[in-house]
Amino acid sequence: MPFRVLGIDPGFDRTGIGVIDQIGMKSVWVHHGCIHTDAGLSFSARLQGLRDGVRDALREFRPQAAVVEHVFFQTNAKTAMRVGMARGVILLSIMDEGVPLIELTPNQVKQGMTGWGGADKKQMQAMVMTMLHLREIPRPDDAADALAMAIVGATLYPSLRQRSIVPSI
């Protein structure tokens, strides 16, 4: 039976989502895309739209786990605060739906995908394409990043569950 995982690459303007089914050692593509927020709306309305988009993805794809990038970067404080608030909305949406949550740093995802925590974006995208047997690199970049998170999360979930880091489903 497939184990479905939703990967989320948090952002404020654009949040990447990627869905895979893990069948044994094989990752199978299900869906990828982005949740966009309208720059013409108020900040709180944009957060609400992000919440609704995440909730809709959770309800449509019914993942057994969700993986969210643990963001701790940004040189611009205003951007960092907005992405942090967007990430909080994403985490709350996942918890409200009762989906087990895995948080991974970018380096953990790179290590899991390529074997090297310093891999660049092109290496990551090529590995996503190869591992999911896709004809082209998923676009936009946020969606490819979300697929990478789903792949690594699916791989790590059994050991995290054994160590009681994520709940059993």
Protein backbone atom coordinates (compact mmCIF):
# COMPACT_ATOMS: atom_id res chain seq x y z
CA MET A 1 0.00 0.00 0.00
CA PRO A 2 1.39 3.45 -0.88
CA PHE A 3 2.49 5.86 1.83
CA ARG A 4 1.46 9.37 0.72
CA VAL A 5 3.55 12.39 1.71
CA LEU A 6 2.95 16.10 1.13
CA GLY A 7 6.06 18.28 0.97
CA ILE A 8 5.74 22.03 1.51
CA ASP A 9 8.33 24.70 0.69
CA PRO A 10 7.10 27.69 2.73
CA GLY A 11 6.90 31.12 1.21
CA PHE A 12 4.73 34.16 1.44
CA ASP A 13 4.16 35.04 -2.21
CA ARG A 14 4.49 31.46 -3.41
CA THR A 15 4.45 28.21 -1.41
CA GLY A 16 5.57 25.05 -3.18
CA ILE A 17 3.68 21.81 -2.70
CA GLY A 18 4.67 18.35 -3.85
CA VAL A 19 2.89 15.06 -3.32
CA ILE A 20 4.43 11.62 -3.70
CA ASP A 21 3.45 8.06 -2.95
CA GLN A 22 6.18 5.93 -1.42
CA ILE A 23 5.83 2.31 -2.46
CA GLY A 24 8.57 0.28 -0.86
CA MET A 25 11.82 1.97 -1.90
CA LYS A 26 10.23 3.74 -4.88
CA SER A 27 8.92 7.31 -4.87
CA VAL A 28 6.07 7.95 -7.31
CA TRP A 29 4.99 11.44 -8.42
CA VAL A 30 1.38 12.37 -7.67
CA HIS A 31 1.22 16.18 -7.92
CA HIS A 32 3.22 19.38 -7.71
CA GLY A 33 2.41 23.07 -7.87
CA CYS A 34 2.29 26.28 -5.87
CA ILE A 35 -0.08 28.18 -3.68
CA HIS A 36 0.08 31.84 -4.71
CA THR A 37 -1.09 34.77 -2.65
CA ASP A 38 -2.37 37.94 -4.26
CA ALA A 39 -0.07 40.91 -3.61
CA GLY A 40 -3.07 43.23 -3.80
CA LEU A 41 -4.65 41.74 -0.68
CA SER A 42 -3.95 42.67 2.93
CA PHE A 43 -1.31 40.71 4.79
CA SER A 44 -3.88 38.89 6.91
CA ALA A 45 -5.99 38.02 3.84
CA ARG A 46 -2.89 36.57 2.17
CA LEU A 47 -2.20 34.42 5.25
CA GLN A 48 -5.82 33.28 5.15
CA GLY A 49 -5.44 32.34 1.47
CA LEU A 50 -2.28 30.37 2.30
CA ARG A 51 -4.10 28.56 5.10
CA ASP A 52 -6.97 27.70 2.78
CA GLY A 53 -4.60 26.46 0.07
CA VAL A 54 -2.72 24.18 2.47
CA ARG A 55 -5.95 22.88 3.97
CA ASP A 56 -7.34 22.19 0.49
CA ALA A 57 -4.19 20.27 -0.50
CA LEU A 58 -4.34 18.22 2.70
CA ARG A 59 -7.98 17.36 2.13
CA GLU A 60 -7.59 16.62 -1.57
CA PHE A 61 -4.48 14.44 -1.38
CA ARG A 62 -5.00 12.95 2.11
CA PRO A 63 -1.29 12.53 2.98
CA GLN A 64 -0.20 10.28 5.80
CA ALA A 65 2.60 12.72 6.64
CA ALA A 66 3.56 16.29 5.77
CA VAL A 67 7.10 17.62 5.50
CA VAL A 68 7.82 21.33 5.92
CA GLU A 69 11.14 23.04 5.44
CA HIS A 70 12.54 24.44 8.66
CA VAL A 71 13.45 27.96 7.53
CA PHE A 72 16.15 29.88 9.35
CA PHE A 73 17.63 32.27 6.84
CA GLN A 74 16.90 35.65 5.26
CA THR A 75 18.96 38.78 5.32
CA ASN A 76 15.90 41.01 5.09
CA ALA A 77 14.10 41.13 8.45
CA LYS A 78 10.74 42.06 6.91
CA THR A 79 10.90 39.07 4.53
CA ALA A 80 12.03 36.76 7.33
CA MET A 81 9.07 37.80 9.49
CA ARG A 82 6.58 37.30 6.67
CA VAL A 83 7.96 33.87 5.75
CA GLY A 84 8.01 32.94 9.44
CA MET A 85 4.37 33.89 9.83
CA ALA A 86 3.47 32.01 6.64
CA ARG A 87 5.30 28.97 7.98
CA GLY A 88 3.34 29.23 11.24
CA VAL A 89 0.06 29.24 9.32
CA ILE A 90 1.24 26.18 7.35
CA LEU A 91 2.21 24.28 10.52
CA LEU A 92 -1.09 25.13 12.19
CA SER A 93 -3.05 24.01 9.10
CA ILE A 94 -1.26 20.65 9.14
CA MET A 95 -1.85 20.16 12.85
CA ASP A 96 -5.53 21.15 12.49
CA GLU A 97 -5.96 18.33 9.96
CA GLY A 98 -4.23 15.83 12.28
CA VAL A 99 -1.45 14.97 9.84
CA PRO A 100 1.91 13.87 11.30
CA LEU A 101 4.51 16.59 10.71
CA ILE A 102 8.19 16.30 9.85
CA GLU A 103 10.39 19.41 9.79
CA LEU A 104 13.64 19.27 7.83
CA THR A 105 16.38 21.81 7.24
CA PRO A 106 17.49 22.55 3.68
CA ASN A 107 20.79 20.76 4.38
CA GLN A 108 18.97 17.63 5.57
CA VAL A 109 16.96 17.57 2.36
CA LYS A 110 20.08 18.07 0.23
CA GLN A 111 21.89 15.32 2.15
CA GLY A 112 18.94 12.97 1.73
CA MET A 113 18.58 13.63 -1.99
CA THR A 114 22.20 13.82 -3.13
CA GLY A 115 24.30 12.51 -0.26
CA TRP A 116 25.85 15.97 0.17
CA GLY A 117 24.42 18.81 2.26
CA GLY A 118 26.03 21.41 0.01
CA ALA A 119 24.29 20.36 -3.21
CA ASP A 120 23.13 23.22 -5.43
CA LYS A 121 19.64 23.80 -6.81
CA LYS A 122 20.42 22.21 -10.20
CA GLN A 123 21.69 19.02 -8.56
CA MET A 124 18.58 18.84 -6.41
CA GLN A 125 16.24 19.38 -9.34
CA ALA A 126 18.03 16.73 -11.40
CA MET A 127 17.71 14.23 -8.55
CA VAL A 128 13.99 14.97 -8.14
CA MET A 129 13.48 14.42 -11.86
CA THR A 130 15.49 11.19 -11.80
CA MET A 131 13.98 9.73 -8.64
CA LEU A 132 10.42 10.42 -9.77
CA HIS A 133 11.08 9.34 -13.39
CA LEU A 134 9.88 12.68 -14.75
CA ARG A 135 10.60 13.88 -18.30
CA GLU A 136 11.53 17.36 -17.15
CA ILE A 137 12.46 19.25 -14.03
CA PRO A 138 9.35 20.27 -12.07
CA ARG A 139 8.62 23.99 -12.22
CA PRO A 140 8.61 26.35 -10.49
CA ASP A 141 11.60 25.79 -8.23
CA ASP A 142 9.40 25.92 -5.11
CA ALA A 143 7.42 22.90 -6.33
CA ALA A 144 10.62 20.94 -7.08
CA ASP A 145 11.88 21.76 -3.58
CA ALA A 146 8.58 20.56 -2.10
CA LEU A 147 8.86 17.26 -4.00
CA ALA A 148 12.40 16.80 -2.65
CA MET A 149 11.11 17.34 0.88
CA ALA A 150 8.36 14.78 0.34
CA ILE A 151 10.87 12.21 -0.96
CA VAL A 152 13.26 12.66 1.97
CA GLY A 153 10.40 12.78 4.48
CA ALA A 154 8.98 9.51 3.15
CA THR A 155 12.39 7.92 3.54
CA LEU A 156 12.87 9.19 7.10
CA TYR A 157 9.34 8.65 8.40
CA PRO A 158 9.75 4.99 9.51
CA SER A 159 12.85 5.73 11.61
CA LEU A 160 11.33 8.92 13.06
CA ARG A 161 8.20 6.99 14.01
CA GLN A 162 10.27 4.29 15.74
CA ARG A 163 12.00 7.00 17.78
CA SER A 164 8.59 8.56 18.60
CA ILE A 165 9.57 11.81 16.88
CA VAL A 166 6.42 11.65 14.73
CA PRO A 167 3.21 9.89 15.71
CA SER A 168 2.07 6.63 14.17
CA ILE A 169 -0.79 6.82 11.72
